[in-house]
N, C-alpha and C. Protein backbone atom coordinates (compact mmCIF):
# COMPACT_ATOMS: atom_id res chain seq x y z
N MET A 1 -5.95 -29.55 18.21
CA MET A 1 -5.78 -28.99 17.15
C MET A 1 -5.58 -30.03 16.10
N VAL A 2 -6.62 -29.88 15.11
CA VAL A 2 -6.65 -30.62 13.76
C VAL A 2 -5.58 -30.34 12.77
N LEU A 3 -4.78 -31.20 12.41
CA LEU A 3 -3.52 -31.09 11.32
C LEU A 3 -4.18 -31.53 9.71
N ASP A 4 -3.90 -31.01 9.05
CA ASP A 4 -4.29 -31.32 7.84
C ASP A 4 -3.38 -32.55 6.98
N SER A 5 -2.98 -33.07 6.07
CA SER A 5 -2.24 -34.28 5.61
C SER A 5 -0.82 -34.00 5.40
N LYS A 6 -0.59 -32.93 5.48
CA LYS A 6 0.44 -32.48 5.76
C LYS A 6 1.43 -31.85 7.19
N LYS A 7 0.50 -32.32 7.98
CA LYS A 7 0.44 -32.18 9.50
C LYS A 7 0.71 -30.69 9.46
N ARG A 8 0.16 -29.87 9.06
CA ARG A 8 0.18 -28.32 9.35
C ARG A 8 -1.00 -28.00 10.13
N PRO A 9 -1.05 -27.11 11.37
CA PRO A 9 -2.00 -27.06 12.09
C PRO A 9 -3.52 -26.66 11.54
N GLN A 10 -4.45 -26.76 11.55
CA GLN A 10 -5.79 -26.01 10.91
C GLN A 10 -6.86 -25.69 11.85
N GLY A 11 -6.36 -25.91 13.05
CA GLY A 11 -7.67 -25.64 13.55
C GLY A 11 -8.90 -25.93 13.92
N THR A 12 -9.85 -26.14 15.20
CA THR A 12 -11.08 -26.34 14.91
C THR A 12 -12.09 -24.95 14.97
N PHE A 13 -12.72 -25.11 13.98
CA PHE A 13 -13.81 -23.70 13.77
C PHE A 13 -14.90 -23.93 15.34
N ASP A 14 -14.66 -22.63 16.18
CA ASP A 14 -15.32 -22.52 17.44
C ASP A 14 -16.43 -21.00 16.91
N SER A 15 -17.55 -21.19 16.62
CA SER A 15 -18.21 -19.69 16.41
C SER A 15 -18.24 -18.75 17.09
N ASN A 16 -17.65 -19.09 18.38
CA ASN A 16 -17.56 -18.07 19.48
C ASN A 16 -16.13 -17.07 19.54
N LEU A 17 -15.26 -17.78 18.36
CA LEU A 17 -14.15 -17.23 18.24
C LEU A 17 -14.36 -16.60 16.91
N GLU A 18 -15.36 -16.56 16.03
CA GLU A 18 -15.09 -16.15 14.88
C GLU A 18 -14.72 -14.51 14.61
N LEU A 19 -14.11 -14.47 13.85
CA LEU A 19 -13.49 -12.77 13.42
C LEU A 19 -14.25 -12.48 12.28
N ASP A 20 -15.05 -13.12 11.30
CA ASP A 20 -15.67 -12.73 10.07
C ASP A 20 -16.35 -13.90 9.40
N SER A 21 -17.58 -13.81 9.54
CA SER A 21 -18.82 -14.97 9.25
C SER A 21 -18.59 -15.10 7.61
N GLY A 22 -17.69 -14.16 7.08
CA GLY A 22 -17.58 -14.27 5.65
C GLY A 22 -18.50 -13.10 4.69
N HIS A 23 -17.80 -12.19 3.85
CA HIS A 23 -18.27 -11.44 3.20
C HIS A 23 -17.06 -10.87 1.97
N GLN A 24 -17.81 -10.05 0.93
CA GLN A 24 -16.84 -9.95 -0.19
C GLN A 24 -16.55 -8.52 -0.20
N VAL A 25 -15.64 -8.07 -0.26
CA VAL A 25 -15.14 -6.54 -0.44
C VAL A 25 -14.79 -6.32 -1.79
N ASP A 26 -15.47 -5.49 -2.42
CA ASP A 26 -14.92 -4.96 -4.47
C ASP A 26 -14.34 -3.83 -3.96
N SER A 27 -14.25 -2.94 -3.13
CA SER A 27 -13.67 -1.63 -3.89
C SER A 27 -12.86 -1.35 -2.44
N ALA A 28 -11.76 -0.21 -2.87
CA ALA A 28 -10.79 0.05 -1.88
C ALA A 28 -11.75 0.69 -0.86
N THR A 29 -10.99 -0.15 0.38
CA THR A 29 -11.76 0.51 1.88
C THR A 29 -10.83 -0.09 2.91
N THR A 30 -11.65 0.27 4.37
CA THR A 30 -11.23 -0.36 5.48
C THR A 30 -12.11 -0.87 6.12
N THR A 31 -12.24 -2.07 6.22
CA THR A 31 -13.59 -2.77 6.66
C THR A 31 -13.24 -3.85 7.96
N TYR A 32 -14.08 -3.85 8.79
CA TYR A 32 -13.51 -4.85 10.20
C TYR A 32 -14.89 -5.89 10.01
N GLY A 33 -14.06 -6.89 10.94
CA GLY A 33 -14.81 -8.11 10.87
C GLY A 33 -16.53 -8.33 11.03
N ARG A 34 -17.43 -9.05 10.52
CA ARG A 34 -18.38 -8.72 10.97
C ARG A 34 -19.39 -9.97 10.77
N ASP A 35 -20.46 -10.29 11.36
CA ASP A 35 -21.50 -11.46 11.34
C ASP A 35 -21.91 -11.50 10.38
N SER A 36 -23.28 -12.96 9.91
CA SER A 36 -23.67 -12.98 9.21
C SER A 36 -24.74 -11.75 8.95
N ASP A 37 -25.03 -10.97 10.31
CA ASP A 37 -26.06 -10.04 10.30
C ASP A 37 -25.58 -8.71 9.95
N ASP A 38 -24.01 -8.61 9.43
CA ASP A 38 -23.51 -7.34 9.31
C ASP A 38 -23.18 -6.51 10.66
N ALA A 39 -23.20 -7.28 11.66
CA ALA A 39 -22.53 -6.45 13.04
C ALA A 39 -21.18 -6.89 13.46
N ALA A 40 -20.62 -5.71 13.92
CA ALA A 40 -19.55 -5.98 14.01
C ALA A 40 -19.03 -7.11 15.00
N ILE A 41 -18.02 -8.04 14.81
CA ILE A 41 -17.29 -8.85 15.68
C ILE A 41 -16.23 -8.11 16.35
N VAL A 42 -16.47 -8.44 17.80
CA VAL A 42 -15.09 -8.00 18.53
C VAL A 42 -15.22 -9.15 19.35
N LEU A 43 -13.99 -9.88 19.56
CA LEU A 43 -13.63 -11.07 20.32
C LEU A 43 -13.30 -10.51 21.78
N ASP A 44 -13.61 -11.04 23.05
CA ASP A 44 -13.12 -10.75 24.26
C ASP A 44 -12.46 -12.24 24.73
N ILE A 45 -11.24 -11.97 24.72
CA ILE A 45 -9.97 -12.86 25.04
C ILE A 45 -9.51 -12.81 26.03
N GLY A 46 -9.95 -12.58 27.45
CA GLY A 46 -9.74 -12.25 28.34
C GLY A 46 -8.35 -11.50 28.50
N THR A 47 -8.61 -11.25 30.27
CA THR A 47 -7.05 -10.12 30.85
C THR A 47 -5.71 -10.89 30.50
N GLY A 48 -5.57 -12.12 30.48
CA GLY A 48 -4.41 -12.62 30.32
C GLY A 48 -3.68 -13.00 29.34
N LEU A 49 -2.34 -13.85 29.02
CA LEU A 49 -1.74 -13.84 28.06
C LEU A 49 -2.75 -14.83 26.86
N PHE A 50 -3.09 -14.51 25.96
CA PHE A 50 -3.85 -15.51 24.94
C PHE A 50 -2.81 -15.45 23.53
N LYS A 51 -2.47 -16.50 23.19
CA LYS A 51 -1.65 -17.70 22.31
C LYS A 51 -2.91 -17.75 21.26
N GLY A 52 -2.80 -17.53 19.96
CA GLY A 52 -3.58 -17.79 18.93
C GLY A 52 -3.08 -18.32 17.58
N MET A 53 -4.19 -18.34 16.59
CA MET A 53 -3.79 -18.33 15.35
C MET A 53 -4.89 -17.87 14.57
N ALA A 54 -4.99 -17.06 14.01
CA ALA A 54 -5.89 -16.30 13.40
C ALA A 54 -6.26 -17.00 11.95
N ILE A 55 -6.87 -17.78 11.36
CA ILE A 55 -7.25 -18.53 10.39
C ILE A 55 -8.01 -17.54 9.47
N ILE A 56 -7.50 -17.28 8.25
CA ILE A 56 -8.51 -16.49 6.96
C ILE A 56 -8.34 -17.43 5.83
N ASP A 57 -9.86 -17.46 5.46
CA ASP A 57 -10.11 -18.78 4.26
C ASP A 57 -10.49 -17.81 3.37
N VAL A 58 -9.67 -17.79 2.33
CA VAL A 58 -9.98 -16.73 1.25
C VAL A 58 -10.57 -17.67 0.10
N SER A 59 -12.06 -17.22 -0.47
CA SER A 59 -12.35 -17.84 -1.14
C SER A 59 -12.50 -17.82 -2.89
N ALA A 60 -12.22 -16.29 -2.77
CA ALA A 60 -12.18 -16.00 -4.09
C ALA A 60 -10.74 -14.51 -3.95
N ILE A 61 -10.27 -14.25 -5.04
CA ILE A 61 -9.13 -13.29 -4.67
C ILE A 61 -8.76 -12.56 -6.07
N ASP A 62 -8.80 -11.28 -6.47
CA ASP A 62 -8.40 -10.86 -7.98
C ASP A 62 -7.21 -10.49 -7.64
N THR A 63 -6.38 -10.35 -8.51
CA THR A 63 -4.53 -10.01 -8.71
C THR A 63 -4.50 -9.61 -10.06
N ALA A 64 -5.50 -9.44 -11.06
CA ALA A 64 -5.52 -9.32 -12.32
C ALA A 64 -4.81 -8.11 -13.08
N THR A 65 -5.25 -6.85 -12.38
CA THR A 65 -4.88 -5.74 -12.62
C THR A 65 -3.51 -5.34 -12.34
N GLY A 66 -2.82 -5.95 -11.28
CA GLY A 66 -1.43 -5.85 -10.63
C GLY A 66 -1.51 -4.49 -9.88
N ASP A 67 -2.50 -4.14 -9.15
CA ASP A 67 -2.55 -3.20 -8.11
C ASP A 67 -3.27 -3.14 -6.81
N GLU A 68 -3.47 -4.68 -6.57
CA GLU A 68 -4.34 -5.10 -5.65
C GLU A 68 -3.82 -5.50 -4.40
N ASN A 69 -3.96 -4.89 -3.36
CA ASN A 69 -3.29 -4.78 -2.03
C ASN A 69 -4.63 -5.10 -1.04
N TYR A 70 -4.28 -6.76 -0.21
CA TYR A 70 -5.30 -6.66 0.90
C TYR A 70 -4.46 -6.87 2.13
N ASP A 71 -4.47 -5.83 2.98
CA ASP A 71 -3.69 -6.05 3.89
C ASP A 71 -4.61 -6.16 5.36
N PHE A 72 -4.79 -7.34 6.13
CA PHE A 72 -5.00 -7.82 7.10
C PHE A 72 -4.59 -7.52 8.30
N TYR A 73 -5.48 -6.93 9.56
CA TYR A 73 -4.47 -6.85 10.60
C TYR A 73 -5.50 -7.35 11.75
N LEU A 74 -4.63 -8.26 12.76
CA LEU A 74 -5.24 -8.50 13.97
C LEU A 74 -5.13 -7.29 15.08
N GLN A 75 -6.38 -6.85 15.61
CA GLN A 75 -6.03 -5.49 16.21
C GLN A 75 -6.34 -5.91 17.41
N GLY A 76 -5.60 -5.40 18.47
CA GLY A 76 -5.83 -5.46 20.14
C GLY A 76 -6.42 -3.99 20.58
N GLY A 77 -7.24 -4.28 21.54
CA GLY A 77 -7.98 -3.23 22.28
C GLY A 77 -8.01 -3.22 23.38
N GLU A 78 -7.83 -1.98 24.47
CA GLU A 78 -8.07 -2.18 25.70
C GLU A 78 -9.65 -1.94 26.13
N ASP A 79 -10.45 -1.48 25.21
CA ASP A 79 -11.77 -1.36 25.44
C ASP A 79 -12.42 -1.87 24.11
N ASP A 80 -13.56 -2.15 23.96
CA ASP A 80 -14.39 -2.99 23.12
C ASP A 80 -14.38 -1.92 22.24
N GLY A 81 -13.97 -0.84 21.84
CA GLY A 81 -14.53 0.47 21.20
C GLY A 81 -13.09 0.72 20.23
N PHE A 82 -12.16 0.13 20.76
CA PHE A 82 -10.72 -0.11 20.14
C PHE A 82 -10.20 1.62 20.04
N ALA A 83 -10.79 2.28 20.98
CA ALA A 83 -10.09 3.87 21.12
C ALA A 83 -8.83 3.92 20.98
N ALA A 84 -7.88 2.84 20.89
CA ALA A 84 -6.31 3.00 20.47
C ALA A 84 -6.04 1.76 19.99
N ALA A 85 -6.36 1.20 18.72
CA ALA A 85 -6.23 0.16 18.54
C ALA A 85 -4.94 -0.17 18.00
N VAL A 86 -4.46 -1.49 18.33
CA VAL A 86 -2.87 -1.80 18.08
C VAL A 86 -3.29 -3.12 17.57
N PRO A 87 -2.06 -2.98 15.88
CA PRO A 87 -1.70 -3.93 15.16
C PRO A 87 -1.24 -5.18 16.35
N LEU A 88 -1.39 -6.28 16.51
CA LEU A 88 -1.16 -7.79 16.85
C LEU A 88 0.09 -8.33 16.13
N VAL A 89 -0.57 -8.26 14.69
CA VAL A 89 0.02 -9.32 13.63
C VAL A 89 -1.13 -8.53 12.18
N THR A 90 0.00 -8.89 11.35
CA THR A 90 -0.36 -7.94 9.95
C THR A 90 -0.33 -9.48 8.79
N LEU A 91 -1.20 -9.36 7.75
CA LEU A 91 -1.19 -10.24 6.32
C LEU A 91 -0.97 -9.67 5.54
N LYS A 92 0.21 -9.25 4.65
CA LYS A 92 -0.44 -8.92 3.14
C LYS A 92 -0.43 -9.27 2.27
N ILE A 93 -1.66 -9.60 1.52
CA ILE A 93 -1.67 -10.52 0.00
C ILE A 93 -1.90 -9.91 -1.12
N GLY A 94 -1.80 -10.09 -2.03
CA GLY A 94 -2.83 -9.29 -3.12
C GLY A 94 -1.46 -9.77 -4.57
N ASP A 95 -1.62 -8.68 -5.11
CA ASP A 95 -0.38 -8.78 -6.09
C ASP A 95 1.02 -8.37 -5.61
N VAL A 96 1.78 -9.40 -6.02
CA VAL A 96 3.23 -9.12 -5.33
C VAL A 96 3.98 -8.44 -5.66
N SER A 97 3.55 -7.62 -6.63
CA SER A 97 4.53 -6.23 -7.26
C SER A 97 4.37 -5.11 -6.35
N GLU A 98 3.01 -5.09 -5.68
CA GLU A 98 2.16 -4.11 -4.89
C GLU A 98 3.27 -4.04 -3.25
N HIS A 99 4.04 -5.39 -3.09
CA HIS A 99 4.23 -5.36 -1.92
C HIS A 99 5.58 -5.51 -1.96
N ALA A 100 6.80 -4.64 -1.40
CA ALA A 100 8.03 -4.32 -1.62
C ALA A 100 8.83 -5.73 -1.01
N LEU A 101 8.21 -6.14 -0.09
CA LEU A 101 8.99 -7.34 1.13
C LEU A 101 8.47 -8.69 0.50
N ARG A 102 7.33 -8.70 -0.21
CA ARG A 102 7.03 -10.16 -1.01
C ARG A 102 7.61 -10.72 -2.01
N VAL A 103 7.74 -11.75 -2.13
CA VAL A 103 8.41 -12.54 -3.47
C VAL A 103 7.49 -13.74 -3.63
N GLY A 104 7.98 -14.00 -5.09
CA GLY A 104 7.12 -15.08 -5.29
C GLY A 104 5.56 -14.99 -6.66
N ASP A 105 5.05 -15.88 -5.78
CA ASP A 105 3.60 -15.18 -6.78
C ASP A 105 2.66 -14.53 -6.47
N ASP A 106 1.53 -14.02 -7.45
CA ASP A 106 0.64 -13.75 -6.96
C ASP A 106 -0.40 -13.88 -5.81
N SER A 107 -1.00 -13.72 -4.63
CA SER A 107 -1.96 -14.12 -3.94
C SER A 107 -3.11 -15.18 -4.34
N THR A 108 -3.07 -16.37 -4.16
CA THR A 108 -4.60 -17.31 -4.73
C THR A 108 -5.30 -17.40 -3.55
N ALA A 109 -6.89 -17.85 -3.91
CA ALA A 109 -7.62 -18.38 -3.14
C ALA A 109 -6.76 -19.67 -2.25
N GLY A 110 -7.43 -19.43 -0.68
CA GLY A 110 -6.73 -20.69 -0.12
C GLY A 110 -6.93 -19.94 1.67
N ARG A 111 -5.76 -20.83 2.13
CA ARG A 111 -5.96 -20.86 3.73
C ARG A 111 -4.78 -20.20 4.09
N TYR A 112 -4.73 -18.66 4.90
CA TYR A 112 -3.80 -17.95 5.35
C TYR A 112 -3.69 -18.23 6.94
N LYS A 113 -2.39 -18.02 7.36
CA LYS A 113 -2.77 -18.04 9.30
C LYS A 113 -1.83 -17.01 9.74
N MET A 114 -2.17 -16.46 10.63
CA MET A 114 -1.71 -15.66 11.45
C MET A 114 -1.23 -15.79 12.74
N TYR A 115 -0.05 -16.31 13.15
CA TYR A 115 0.17 -16.65 14.62
C TYR A 115 0.30 -15.07 15.30
N PHE A 116 -0.47 -15.16 16.72
CA PHE A 116 -0.23 -13.82 17.75
C PHE A 116 -0.56 -14.31 18.91
N ASP A 117 -0.05 -13.72 19.72
CA ASP A 117 -0.52 -13.26 21.51
C ASP A 117 -1.01 -11.94 21.34
N ASN A 118 -1.69 -11.63 22.63
CA ASN A 118 -2.49 -10.31 22.63
C ASN A 118 -1.43 -9.46 23.61
N GLU A 119 0.11 -9.77 23.78
CA GLU A 119 0.49 -8.80 24.55
C GLU A 119 1.68 -7.78 23.63
N SER A 120 1.99 -6.68 23.55
CA SER A 120 2.38 -5.82 22.96
C SER A 120 3.02 -4.63 23.88
N ASN A 121 4.31 -4.43 23.52
CA ASN A 121 5.00 -3.29 24.52
C ASN A 121 4.59 -3.49 26.16
N GLY A 122 4.14 -4.63 26.55
CA GLY A 122 3.98 -4.95 28.14
C GLY A 122 2.41 -5.01 28.46
N THR A 123 1.45 -4.89 27.29
CA THR A 123 0.35 -5.00 27.89
C THR A 123 -0.76 -5.59 27.36
N TYR A 124 -1.32 -6.12 28.07
CA TYR A 124 -2.28 -7.65 27.39
C TYR A 124 -3.61 -6.72 27.01
N TYR A 125 -4.04 -7.22 25.41
CA TYR A 125 -4.96 -6.50 25.08
C TYR A 125 -6.36 -7.45 24.87
N ARG A 126 -6.75 -7.19 25.75
CA ARG A 126 -8.64 -8.19 26.21
C ARG A 126 -9.08 -8.24 25.07
N TYR A 127 -9.69 -7.12 24.16
CA TYR A 127 -10.32 -7.50 23.10
C TYR A 127 -9.46 -7.33 21.59
N VAL A 128 -9.88 -8.16 20.32
CA VAL A 128 -9.62 -8.25 19.13
C VAL A 128 -10.27 -8.36 18.42
N ARG A 129 -9.80 -8.18 17.15
CA ARG A 129 -10.55 -7.82 15.87
C ARG A 129 -10.22 -7.66 14.63
N LEU A 130 -10.16 -8.19 13.78
CA LEU A 130 -9.71 -7.96 12.27
C LEU A 130 -10.39 -7.18 11.62
N ALA A 131 -9.50 -6.70 11.28
CA ALA A 131 -9.34 -5.12 9.99
C ALA A 131 -9.12 -5.76 8.60
N LEU A 132 -9.27 -4.98 7.88
CA LEU A 132 -9.07 -5.78 6.07
C LEU A 132 -8.94 -3.95 5.56
N VAL A 133 -7.63 -3.72 4.75
CA VAL A 133 -7.41 -2.53 4.32
C VAL A 133 -6.96 -3.40 3.03
N THR A 134 -7.90 -2.35 1.97
CA THR A 134 -7.26 -3.03 0.95
C THR A 134 -7.45 -1.38 -0.05
N THR A 135 -6.41 -1.51 -1.31
CA THR A 135 -6.43 -0.40 -2.37
C THR A 135 -6.33 -1.31 -3.80
N GLY A 136 -6.28 -0.45 -4.67
CA GLY A 136 -6.46 -0.98 -6.05
C GLY A 136 -7.77 -1.34 -6.47
N ASN A 137 -7.46 -2.31 -7.59
CA ASN A 137 -8.85 -2.63 -8.36
C ASN A 137 -9.15 -3.34 -7.92
N VAL A 138 -9.79 -4.04 -6.09
CA VAL A 138 -9.76 -5.54 -5.50
C VAL A 138 -10.98 -6.02 -5.48
N ASP A 139 -10.91 -6.96 -5.49
CA ASP A 139 -12.44 -8.12 -5.08
C ASP A 139 -11.60 -9.08 -4.23
N ILE A 140 -12.38 -9.74 -3.01
CA ILE A 140 -12.07 -10.61 -1.94
C ILE A 140 -13.30 -10.78 -1.54
N THR A 141 -13.27 -12.31 -1.36
CA THR A 141 -14.07 -12.83 -0.36
C THR A 141 -13.80 -13.88 0.49
N PHE A 142 -13.93 -13.74 1.94
CA PHE A 142 -13.33 -14.68 3.14
C PHE A 142 -13.86 -14.75 3.79
N SER A 143 -13.34 -15.62 4.64
CA SER A 143 -14.16 -15.24 6.17
C SER A 143 -12.76 -15.82 7.39
N SER A 144 -13.27 -16.12 8.74
CA SER A 144 -12.18 -15.79 9.45
C SER A 144 -12.29 -16.25 10.94
N TYR A 145 -11.34 -17.05 11.75
CA TYR A 145 -11.82 -17.20 12.97
C TYR A 145 -10.48 -17.17 13.76
N VAL A 146 -10.48 -17.51 15.09
CA VAL A 146 -9.84 -17.59 16.11
C VAL A 146 -9.34 -18.76 16.43
N VAL A 147 -8.15 -19.44 16.98
CA VAL A 147 -8.00 -20.67 17.10
C VAL A 147 -7.04 -20.75 18.28
N PRO A 148 -7.14 -21.24 19.78
CA PRO A 148 -6.22 -20.87 20.56
C PRO A 148 -5.11 -22.12 20.29
N ILE A 149 -3.85 -21.37 21.06
CA ILE A 149 -2.78 -22.22 21.02
C ILE A 149 -2.19 -22.50 22.28
N ASN A 150 -2.35 -23.70 22.84
CA ASN A 150 -1.92 -23.85 23.96
C ASN A 150 -0.09 -23.98 24.16
């Protein structure tokens, strides 16, 4: 595990654990992680317990109009088609006034982390993907990957 100057875990990038190779979302929508060829990315993390950290690197984010919501979900699935997708962990960023549980300032560009494991309610989810649900006058550019945690 790589640590930054403040001894915070940053993780080492592994292209086999990429959730999104980087793209821009500029309309209210639901989108899923994709690679540079615009193909959906689904990670097979195995049948046992997997502990990890999903890193989302936001290079640009708009919160100027005050109605922007960017809700990231790391979803688990028992099959790679996600017939019954389960949210394993959620990250809500954007305009602070749009998220009742958030306090502080509006979100800015930077690194966001979601710690997770692939077990929920006694089921181990072999497949994971990143989902982003946006509402409002949005514009965000980001990339994402998973780092295993031992």
